Full PDB file with SEQRES, HELIX, SHEET, SSBOND, CRYST1, ORIGX, SCALE, CONECT and MASTER records, all heavy atoms in Angstrom:
SEQRES   1 A   31  LYS GLN ALA GLU ASP VAL VAL LEU ASP TYR LEU LYS LYS          
SEQRES   2 A   31  PRO ASP ALA GLY TRP ASP GLU THR SER VAL PRO PRO ARG          
SEQRES   3 A   31  VAL ASN ALA ALA VAL                                          
HELIX    1 AA1 GLN A    2  LEU A   11  1                                  10    
HELIX    2 AA2 PRO A   25  ALA A   30  1                                   6    
CRYST1    1.000    1.000    1.000  90.00  90.00  90.00 P 1           1          
ORIGX1      1.000000  0.000000  0.000000        0.00000                         
ORIGX2      0.000000  1.000000  0.000000        0.00000                         
ORIGX3      0.000000  0.000000  1.000000        0.00000                         
SCALE1      1.000000  0.000000  0.000000        0.00000                         
SCALE2      0.000000  1.000000  0.000000        0.00000                         
SCALE3      0.000000  0.000000  1.000000        0.00000                         
ATOM      1  N   LYS A   1       6.854  11.964  -5.890  1.00  0.00           N  
ATOM      2  CA  LYS A   1       6.952  11.136  -4.680  1.00  0.00           C  
ATOM      3  C   LYS A   1       7.292  11.987  -3.461  1.00  0.00           C  
ATOM      4  O   LYS A   1       6.738  11.790  -2.373  1.00  0.00           O  
ATOM      5  CB  LYS A   1       7.984  10.031  -4.874  1.00  0.00           C  
ATOM      6  CG  LYS A   1       7.526   8.952  -5.815  1.00  0.00           C  
ATOM      7  CD  LYS A   1       8.580   7.891  -6.009  1.00  0.00           C  
ATOM      8  CE  LYS A   1       8.098   6.879  -7.035  1.00  0.00           C  
ATOM      9  NZ  LYS A   1       9.114   5.916  -7.396  1.00  0.00           N  
ATOM     10  N   GLN A   2       8.205  12.926  -3.633  1.00  0.00           N  
ATOM     11  CA  GLN A   2       8.571  13.808  -2.529  1.00  0.00           C  
ATOM     12  C   GLN A   2       7.383  14.671  -2.102  1.00  0.00           C  
ATOM     13  O   GLN A   2       7.125  14.848  -0.904  1.00  0.00           O  
ATOM     14  CB  GLN A   2       9.751  14.691  -2.930  1.00  0.00           C  
ATOM     15  CG  GLN A   2      11.038  13.928  -3.131  1.00  0.00           C  
ATOM     16  CD  GLN A   2      12.118  14.743  -3.814  1.00  0.00           C  
ATOM     17  OE1 GLN A   2      11.859  15.726  -4.502  1.00  0.00           O  
ATOM     18  NE2 GLN A   2      13.367  14.318  -3.629  1.00  0.00           N  
ATOM     19  N   ALA A   3       6.671  15.200  -3.070  1.00  0.00           N  
ATOM     20  CA  ALA A   3       5.514  16.045  -2.778  1.00  0.00           C  
ATOM     21  C   ALA A   3       4.419  15.245  -2.084  1.00  0.00           C  
ATOM     22  O   ALA A   3       3.783  15.738  -1.140  1.00  0.00           O  
ATOM     23  CB  ALA A   3       4.980  16.669  -4.067  1.00  0.00           C  
ATOM     24  N   GLU A   4       4.194  14.018  -2.525  1.00  0.00           N  
ATOM     25  CA  GLU A   4       3.203  13.163  -1.869  1.00  0.00           C  
ATOM     26  C   GLU A   4       3.586  12.927  -0.414  1.00  0.00           C  
ATOM     27  O   GLU A   4       2.733  12.984   0.476  1.00  0.00           O  
ATOM     28  CB  GLU A   4       3.077  11.832  -2.617  1.00  0.00           C  
ATOM     29  CG  GLU A   4       2.434  11.969  -3.973  1.00  0.00           C  
ATOM     30  CD  GLU A   4       2.549  10.714  -4.819  1.00  0.00           C  
ATOM     31  OE1 GLU A   4       3.311   9.785  -4.475  1.00  0.00           O  
ATOM     32  OE2 GLU A   4       1.863  10.666  -5.855  1.00  0.00           O  
ATOM     33  N   ASP A   5       4.858  12.687  -0.169  1.00  0.00           N  
ATOM     34  CA  ASP A   5       5.331  12.482   1.195  1.00  0.00           C  
ATOM     35  C   ASP A   5       5.094  13.725   2.053  1.00  0.00           C  
ATOM     36  O   ASP A   5       4.630  13.626   3.194  1.00  0.00           O  
ATOM     37  CB  ASP A   5       6.810  12.093   1.189  1.00  0.00           C  
ATOM     38  CG  ASP A   5       7.331  11.811   2.582  1.00  0.00           C  
ATOM     39  OD1 ASP A   5       6.807  10.881   3.232  1.00  0.00           O  
ATOM     40  OD2 ASP A   5       8.259  12.515   3.017  1.00  0.00           O  
ATOM     41  N   VAL A   6       5.397  14.892   1.508  1.00  0.00           N  
ATOM     42  CA  VAL A   6       5.206  16.155   2.233  1.00  0.00           C  
ATOM     43  C   VAL A   6       3.731  16.340   2.588  1.00  0.00           C  
ATOM     44  O   VAL A   6       3.378  16.656   3.727  1.00  0.00           O  
ATOM     45  CB  VAL A   6       5.724  17.350   1.394  1.00  0.00           C  
ATOM     46  CG1 VAL A   6       5.247  18.677   1.952  1.00  0.00           C  
ATOM     47  CG2 VAL A   6       7.235  17.310   1.287  1.00  0.00           C  
ATOM     48  N   VAL A   7       2.855  16.130   1.613  1.00  0.00           N  
ATOM     49  CA  VAL A   7       1.422  16.348   1.821  1.00  0.00           C  
ATOM     50  C   VAL A   7       0.856  15.337   2.820  1.00  0.00           C  
ATOM     51  O   VAL A   7       0.131  15.704   3.746  1.00  0.00           O  
ATOM     52  CB  VAL A   7       0.667  16.294   0.470  1.00  0.00           C  
ATOM     53  CG1 VAL A   7      -0.839  16.197   0.675  1.00  0.00           C  
ATOM     54  CG2 VAL A   7       1.016  17.518  -0.366  1.00  0.00           C  
ATOM     55  N   LEU A   8       1.185  14.065   2.659  1.00  0.00           N  
ATOM     56  CA  LEU A   8       0.664  13.047   3.570  1.00  0.00           C  
ATOM     57  C   LEU A   8       1.215  13.227   4.982  1.00  0.00           C  
ATOM     58  O   LEU A   8       0.514  12.972   5.959  1.00  0.00           O  
ATOM     59  CB  LEU A   8       0.962  11.643   3.035  1.00  0.00           C  
ATOM     60  CG  LEU A   8       0.184  11.282   1.774  1.00  0.00           C  
ATOM     61  CD1 LEU A   8       0.622   9.926   1.248  1.00  0.00           C  
ATOM     62  CD2 LEU A   8      -1.317  11.317   2.009  1.00  0.00           C  
ATOM     63  N   ASP A   9       2.454  13.689   5.082  1.00  0.00           N  
ATOM     64  CA  ASP A   9       3.022  13.972   6.402  1.00  0.00           C  
ATOM     65  C   ASP A   9       2.269  15.120   7.061  1.00  0.00           C  
ATOM     66  O   ASP A   9       1.947  15.060   8.243  1.00  0.00           O  
ATOM     67  CB  ASP A   9       4.511  14.295   6.282  1.00  0.00           C  
ATOM     68  CG  ASP A   9       5.142  14.574   7.633  1.00  0.00           C  
ATOM     69  OD1 ASP A   9       5.156  13.651   8.472  1.00  0.00           O  
ATOM     70  OD2 ASP A   9       5.612  15.706   7.854  1.00  0.00           O  
ATOM     71  N   TYR A  10       1.974  16.173   6.319  1.00  0.00           N  
ATOM     72  CA  TYR A  10       1.217  17.297   6.877  1.00  0.00           C  
ATOM     73  C   TYR A  10      -0.164  16.830   7.342  1.00  0.00           C  
ATOM     74  O   TYR A  10      -0.642  17.219   8.410  1.00  0.00           O  
ATOM     75  CB  TYR A  10       1.074  18.439   5.863  1.00  0.00           C  
ATOM     76  CG  TYR A  10       0.200  19.535   6.410  1.00  0.00           C  
ATOM     77  CD1 TYR A  10       0.689  20.421   7.360  1.00  0.00           C  
ATOM     78  CD2 TYR A  10      -1.133  19.636   6.037  1.00  0.00           C  
ATOM     79  CE1 TYR A  10      -0.131  21.395   7.913  1.00  0.00           C  
ATOM     80  CE2 TYR A  10      -1.959  20.609   6.590  1.00  0.00           C  
ATOM     81  CZ  TYR A  10      -1.455  21.486   7.523  1.00  0.00           C  
ATOM     82  OH  TYR A  10      -2.271  22.435   8.082  1.00  0.00           O  
ATOM     83  N   LEU A  11      -0.805  15.978   6.536  1.00  0.00           N  
ATOM     84  CA  LEU A  11      -2.135  15.494   6.875  1.00  0.00           C  
ATOM     85  C   LEU A  11      -2.130  14.461   8.000  1.00  0.00           C  
ATOM     86  O   LEU A  11      -3.186  14.143   8.548  1.00  0.00           O  
ATOM     87  CB  LEU A  11      -2.802  14.866   5.640  1.00  0.00           C  
ATOM     88  CG  LEU A  11      -3.194  15.824   4.530  1.00  0.00           C  
ATOM     89  CD1 LEU A  11      -3.691  15.047   3.328  1.00  0.00           C  
ATOM     90  CD2 LEU A  11      -4.242  16.808   5.013  1.00  0.00           C  
ATOM     91  N   LYS A  12      -0.942  13.954   8.318  1.00  0.00           N  
ATOM     92  CA  LYS A  12      -0.792  12.883   9.313  1.00  0.00           C  
ATOM     93  C   LYS A  12      -1.555  11.633   8.887  1.00  0.00           C  
ATOM     94  O   LYS A  12      -2.202  10.959   9.687  1.00  0.00           O  
ATOM     95  CB  LYS A  12      -1.268  13.340  10.691  1.00  0.00           C  
ATOM     96  CG  LYS A  12      -0.524  14.546  11.230  1.00  0.00           C  
ATOM     97  CD  LYS A  12      -1.050  14.910  12.581  1.00  0.00           C  
ATOM     98  CE  LYS A  12      -0.439  16.215  13.048  1.00  0.00           C  
ATOM     99  NZ  LYS A  12      -1.013  16.643  14.316  1.00  0.00           N  
ATOM    100  N   LYS A  13      -1.487  11.345   7.579  1.00  0.00           N  
ATOM    101  CA  LYS A  13      -2.175  10.185   7.013  1.00  0.00           C  
ATOM    102  C   LYS A  13      -1.225   9.421   6.085  1.00  0.00           C  
ATOM    103  O   LYS A  13      -1.415   9.391   4.870  1.00  0.00           O  
ATOM    104  CB  LYS A  13      -3.405  10.627   6.220  1.00  0.00           C  
ATOM    105  CG  LYS A  13      -4.477  11.264   7.055  1.00  0.00           C  
ATOM    106  CD  LYS A  13      -5.689  11.621   6.224  1.00  0.00           C  
ATOM    107  CE  LYS A  13      -6.735  12.275   7.112  1.00  0.00           C  
ATOM    108  NZ  LYS A  13      -7.977  12.563   6.404  1.00  0.00           N  
ATOM    109  N   PRO A  14      -0.209   8.772   6.660  1.00  0.00           N  
ATOM    110  CA  PRO A  14       0.760   8.083   5.797  1.00  0.00           C  
ATOM    111  C   PRO A  14       0.152   6.945   4.990  1.00  0.00           C  
ATOM    112  O   PRO A  14       0.656   6.605   3.932  1.00  0.00           O  
ATOM    113  CB  PRO A  14       1.815   7.578   6.774  1.00  0.00           C  
ATOM    114  CG  PRO A  14       1.124   7.523   8.093  1.00  0.00           C  
ATOM    115  CD  PRO A  14       0.088   8.611   8.067  1.00  0.00           C  
ATOM    116  N   ASP A  15      -0.939   6.369   5.478  1.00  0.00           N  
ATOM    117  CA  ASP A  15      -1.590   5.265   4.770  1.00  0.00           C  
ATOM    118  C   ASP A  15      -3.008   5.661   4.380  1.00  0.00           C  
ATOM    119  O   ASP A  15      -3.971   4.957   4.697  1.00  0.00           O  
ATOM    120  CB  ASP A  15      -1.613   4.016   5.652  1.00  0.00           C  
ATOM    121  CG  ASP A  15      -0.220   3.557   6.035  1.00  0.00           C  
ATOM    122  OD1 ASP A  15       0.651   3.562   5.147  1.00  0.00           O  
ATOM    123  OD2 ASP A  15      -0.002   3.212   7.209  1.00  0.00           O  
ATOM    124  N   ALA A  16      -3.144   6.758   3.674  1.00  0.00           N  
ATOM    125  CA  ALA A  16      -4.463   7.278   3.323  1.00  0.00           C  
ATOM    126  C   ALA A  16      -5.227   6.338   2.392  1.00  0.00           C  
ATOM    127  O   ALA A  16      -6.455   6.344   2.379  1.00  0.00           O  
ATOM    128  CB  ALA A  16      -4.330   8.656   2.686  1.00  0.00           C  
ATOM    129  N   GLY A  17      -4.517   5.551   1.604  1.00  0.00           N  
ATOM    130  CA  GLY A  17      -5.176   4.617   0.710  1.00  0.00           C  
ATOM    131  C   GLY A  17      -5.702   5.238  -0.575  1.00  0.00           C  
ATOM    132  O   GLY A  17      -6.464   4.620  -1.307  1.00  0.00           O  
ATOM    133  N   TRP A  18      -5.317   6.454  -0.862  1.00  0.00           N  
ATOM    134  CA  TRP A  18      -5.753   7.119  -2.087  1.00  0.00           C  
ATOM    135  C   TRP A  18      -4.854   6.734  -3.251  1.00  0.00           C  
ATOM    136  O   TRP A  18      -3.698   6.380  -3.070  1.00  0.00           O  
ATOM    137  CB  TRP A  18      -5.693   8.642  -1.931  1.00  0.00           C  
ATOM    138  CG  TRP A  18      -6.594   9.219  -0.894  1.00  0.00           C  
ATOM    139  CD1 TRP A  18      -7.885   8.884  -0.636  1.00  0.00           C  
ATOM    140  CD2 TRP A  18      -6.273  10.267   0.015  1.00  0.00           C  
ATOM    141  NE1 TRP A  18      -8.379   9.656   0.385  1.00  0.00           N  
ATOM    142  CE2 TRP A  18      -7.409  10.514   0.802  1.00  0.00           C  
ATOM    143  CE3 TRP A  18      -5.134  11.021   0.251  1.00  0.00           C  
ATOM    144  CZ2 TRP A  18      -7.448  11.485   1.792  1.00  0.00           C  
ATOM    145  CZ3 TRP A  18      -5.170  11.984   1.237  1.00  0.00           C  
ATOM    146  CH2 TRP A  18      -6.317  12.217   1.996  1.00  0.00           C  
ATOM    147  N   ASP A  19      -5.385   6.840  -4.445  1.00  0.00           N  
ATOM    148  CA  ASP A  19      -4.585   6.740  -5.661  1.00  0.00           C  
ATOM    149  C   ASP A  19      -5.026   7.876  -6.577  1.00  0.00           C  
ATOM    150  O   ASP A  19      -5.831   8.721  -6.173  1.00  0.00           O  
ATOM    151  CB  ASP A  19      -4.711   5.361  -6.320  1.00  0.00           C  
ATOM    152  CG  ASP A  19      -6.134   5.050  -6.788  1.00  0.00           C  
ATOM    153  OD1 ASP A  19      -6.944   5.973  -6.960  1.00  0.00           O  
ATOM    154  OD2 ASP A  19      -6.418   3.853  -6.987  1.00  0.00           O  
ATOM    155  N   GLU A  20      -4.511   7.878  -7.810  1.00  0.00           N  
ATOM    156  CA  GLU A  20      -4.819   9.027  -8.676  1.00  0.00           C  
ATOM    157  C   GLU A  20      -6.298   9.139  -9.032  1.00  0.00           C  
ATOM    158  O   GLU A  20      -6.754  10.192  -9.456  1.00  0.00           O  
ATOM    159  CB  GLU A  20      -3.966   9.018  -9.949  1.00  0.00           C  
ATOM    160  CG  GLU A  20      -4.236   7.870 -10.879  1.00  0.00           C  
ATOM    161  CD  GLU A  20      -3.267   6.717 -10.711  1.00  0.00           C  
ATOM    162  OE1 GLU A  20      -2.484   6.699  -9.760  1.00  0.00           O  
ATOM    163  OE2 GLU A  20      -3.305   5.817 -11.548  1.00  0.00           O  
ATOM    164  N   THR A  21      -7.079   8.074  -8.844  1.00  0.00           N  
ATOM    165  CA  THR A  21      -8.510   8.149  -9.152  1.00  0.00           C  
ATOM    166  C   THR A  21      -9.364   8.479  -7.928  1.00  0.00           C  
ATOM    167  O   THR A  21     -10.482   8.945  -8.072  1.00  0.00           O  
ATOM    168  CB  THR A  21      -9.013   6.827  -9.772  1.00  0.00           C  
ATOM    169  OG1 THR A  21      -8.812   5.772  -8.833  1.00  0.00           O  
ATOM    170  CG2 THR A  21      -8.281   6.517 -11.070  1.00  0.00           C  
ATOM    171  N   SER A  22      -8.842   8.241  -6.722  1.00  0.00           N  
ATOM    172  CA  SER A  22      -9.649   8.458  -5.525  1.00  0.00           C  
ATOM    173  C   SER A  22      -9.167   9.617  -4.640  1.00  0.00           C  
ATOM    174  O   SER A  22      -9.823   9.953  -3.666  1.00  0.00           O  
ATOM    175  CB  SER A  22      -9.686   7.173  -4.682  1.00  0.00           C  
ATOM    176  OG  SER A  22      -8.398   6.823  -4.219  1.00  0.00           O  
ATOM    177  N   VAL A  23      -8.040  10.200  -4.982  1.00  0.00           N  
ATOM    178  CA  VAL A  23      -7.503  11.290  -4.183  1.00  0.00           C  
ATOM    179  C   VAL A  23      -8.456  12.494  -4.221  1.00  0.00           C  
ATOM    180  O   VAL A  23      -8.966  12.850  -5.283  1.00  0.00           O  
ATOM    181  CB  VAL A  23      -6.084  11.692  -4.666  1.00  0.00           C  
ATOM    182  CG1 VAL A  23      -6.107  12.215  -6.083  1.00  0.00           C  
ATOM    183  CG2 VAL A  23      -5.452  12.693  -3.726  1.00  0.00           C  
ATOM    184  N   PRO A  24      -8.732  13.102  -3.070  1.00  0.00           N  
ATOM    185  CA  PRO A  24      -9.564  14.308  -3.081  1.00  0.00           C  
ATOM    186  C   PRO A  24      -8.900  15.404  -3.933  1.00  0.00           C  
ATOM    187  O   PRO A  24      -7.671  15.570  -3.896  1.00  0.00           O  
ATOM    188  CB  PRO A  24      -9.613  14.721  -1.603  1.00  0.00           C  
ATOM    189  CG  PRO A  24      -9.338  13.464  -0.842  1.00  0.00           C  
ATOM    190  CD  PRO A  24      -8.378  12.691  -1.697  1.00  0.00           C  
ATOM    191  N   PRO A  25      -9.684  16.139  -4.685  1.00  0.00           N  
ATOM    192  CA  PRO A  25      -9.118  17.167  -5.567  1.00  0.00           C  
ATOM    193  C   PRO A  25      -8.209  18.163  -4.858  1.00  0.00           C  
ATOM    194  O   PRO A  25      -7.184  18.573  -5.390  1.00  0.00           O  
ATOM    195  CB  PRO A  25     -10.344  17.857  -6.162  1.00  0.00           C  
ATOM    196  CG  PRO A  25     -11.412  16.807  -6.117  1.00  0.00           C  
ATOM    197  CD  PRO A  25     -11.135  16.006  -4.869  1.00  0.00           C  
ATOM    198  N   ARG A  26      -8.544  18.562  -3.628  1.00  0.00           N  
ATOM    199  CA  ARG A  26      -7.707  19.538  -2.914  1.00  0.00           C  
ATOM    200  C   ARG A  26      -6.355  18.933  -2.551  1.00  0.00           C  
ATOM    201  O   ARG A  26      -5.357  19.627  -2.504  1.00  0.00           O  
ATOM    202  CB  ARG A  26      -8.412  20.110  -1.693  1.00  0.00           C  
ATOM    203  CG  ARG A  26      -8.627  19.131  -0.574  1.00  0.00           C  
ATOM    204  CD  ARG A  26      -9.273  19.734   0.661  1.00  0.00           C  
ATOM    205  NE  ARG A  26     -10.520  20.367   0.332  1.00  0.00           N  
ATOM    206  CZ  ARG A  26     -10.906  21.539   0.842  1.00  0.00           C  
ATOM    207  NH1 ARG A  26     -10.178  22.162   1.719  1.00  0.00           N  
ATOM    208  NH2 ARG A  26     -12.045  22.066   0.486  1.00  0.00           N  
ATOM    209  N   VAL A  27      -6.305  17.620  -2.309  1.00  0.00           N  
ATOM    210  CA  VAL A  27      -5.038  16.958  -2.011  1.00  0.00           C  
ATOM    211  C   VAL A  27      -4.193  16.888  -3.281  1.00  0.00           C  
ATOM    212  O   VAL A  27      -2.995  17.157  -3.260  1.00  0.00           O  
ATOM    213  CB  VAL A  27      -5.266  15.552  -1.406  1.00  0.00           C  
ATOM    214  CG1 VAL A  27      -3.957  14.807  -1.240  1.00  0.00           C  
ATOM    215  CG2 VAL A  27      -6.004  15.660  -0.076  1.00  0.00           C  
ATOM    216  N   ASN A  28      -4.837  16.562  -4.398  1.00  0.00           N  
ATOM    217  CA  ASN A  28      -4.128  16.545  -5.681  1.00  0.00           C  
ATOM    218  C   ASN A  28      -3.566  17.929  -5.991  1.00  0.00           C  
ATOM    219  O   ASN A  28      -2.404  18.062  -6.406  1.00  0.00           O  
ATOM    220  CB  ASN A  28      -5.071  16.080  -6.791  1.00  0.00           C  
ATOM    221  CG  ASN A  28      -4.443  16.085  -8.155  1.00  0.00           C  
ATOM    222  OD1 ASN A  28      -4.632  17.033  -8.918  1.00  0.00           O  
ATOM    223  ND2 ASN A  28      -3.691  15.046  -8.477  1.00  0.00           N  
ATOM    224  N   ALA A  29      -4.362  18.965  -5.770  1.00  0.00           N  
ATOM    225  CA  ALA A  29      -3.902  20.331  -6.024  1.00  0.00           C  
ATOM    226  C   ALA A  29      -2.712  20.680  -5.129  1.00  0.00           C  
ATOM    227  O   ALA A  29      -1.751  21.323  -5.579  1.00  0.00           O  
ATOM    228  CB  ALA A  29      -5.042  21.319  -5.803  1.00  0.00           C  
ATOM    229  N   ALA A  30      -2.747  20.247  -3.875  1.00  0.00           N  
ATOM    230  CA  ALA A  30      -1.641  20.514  -2.955  1.00  0.00           C  
ATOM    231  C   ALA A  30      -0.372  19.806  -3.416  1.00  0.00           C  
ATOM    232  O   ALA A  30       0.723  20.385  -3.373  1.00  0.00           O  
ATOM    233  CB  ALA A  30      -2.010  20.081  -1.543  1.00  0.00           C  
ATOM    234  N   VAL A  31      -0.499  18.567  -3.868  1.00  0.00           N  
ATOM    235  CA  VAL A  31       0.660  17.839  -4.381  1.00  0.00           C  
ATOM    236  C   VAL A  31       1.245  18.578  -5.579  1.00  0.00           C  
ATOM    237  O   VAL A  31       2.467  18.759  -5.675  1.00  0.00           O  
ATOM    238  CB  VAL A  31       0.296  16.379  -4.747  1.00  0.00           C  
ATOM    239  CG1 VAL A  31       1.429  15.701  -5.512  1.00  0.00           C  
ATOM    240  CG2 VAL A  31      -0.052  15.586  -3.503  1.00  0.00           C  
TER     241      VAL A  31                                                      
MASTER        0    0    0    2    0    0    0    6  240    1    0    3          
END                                                                             
């Protein structure tokens, strides 16, 4: 949860709407 917050904050997309099936692979790797 903390890592997701860090990544979404960096991306400036707090409501990206992704889940574990739709998250872009590079975002998953960053998390």
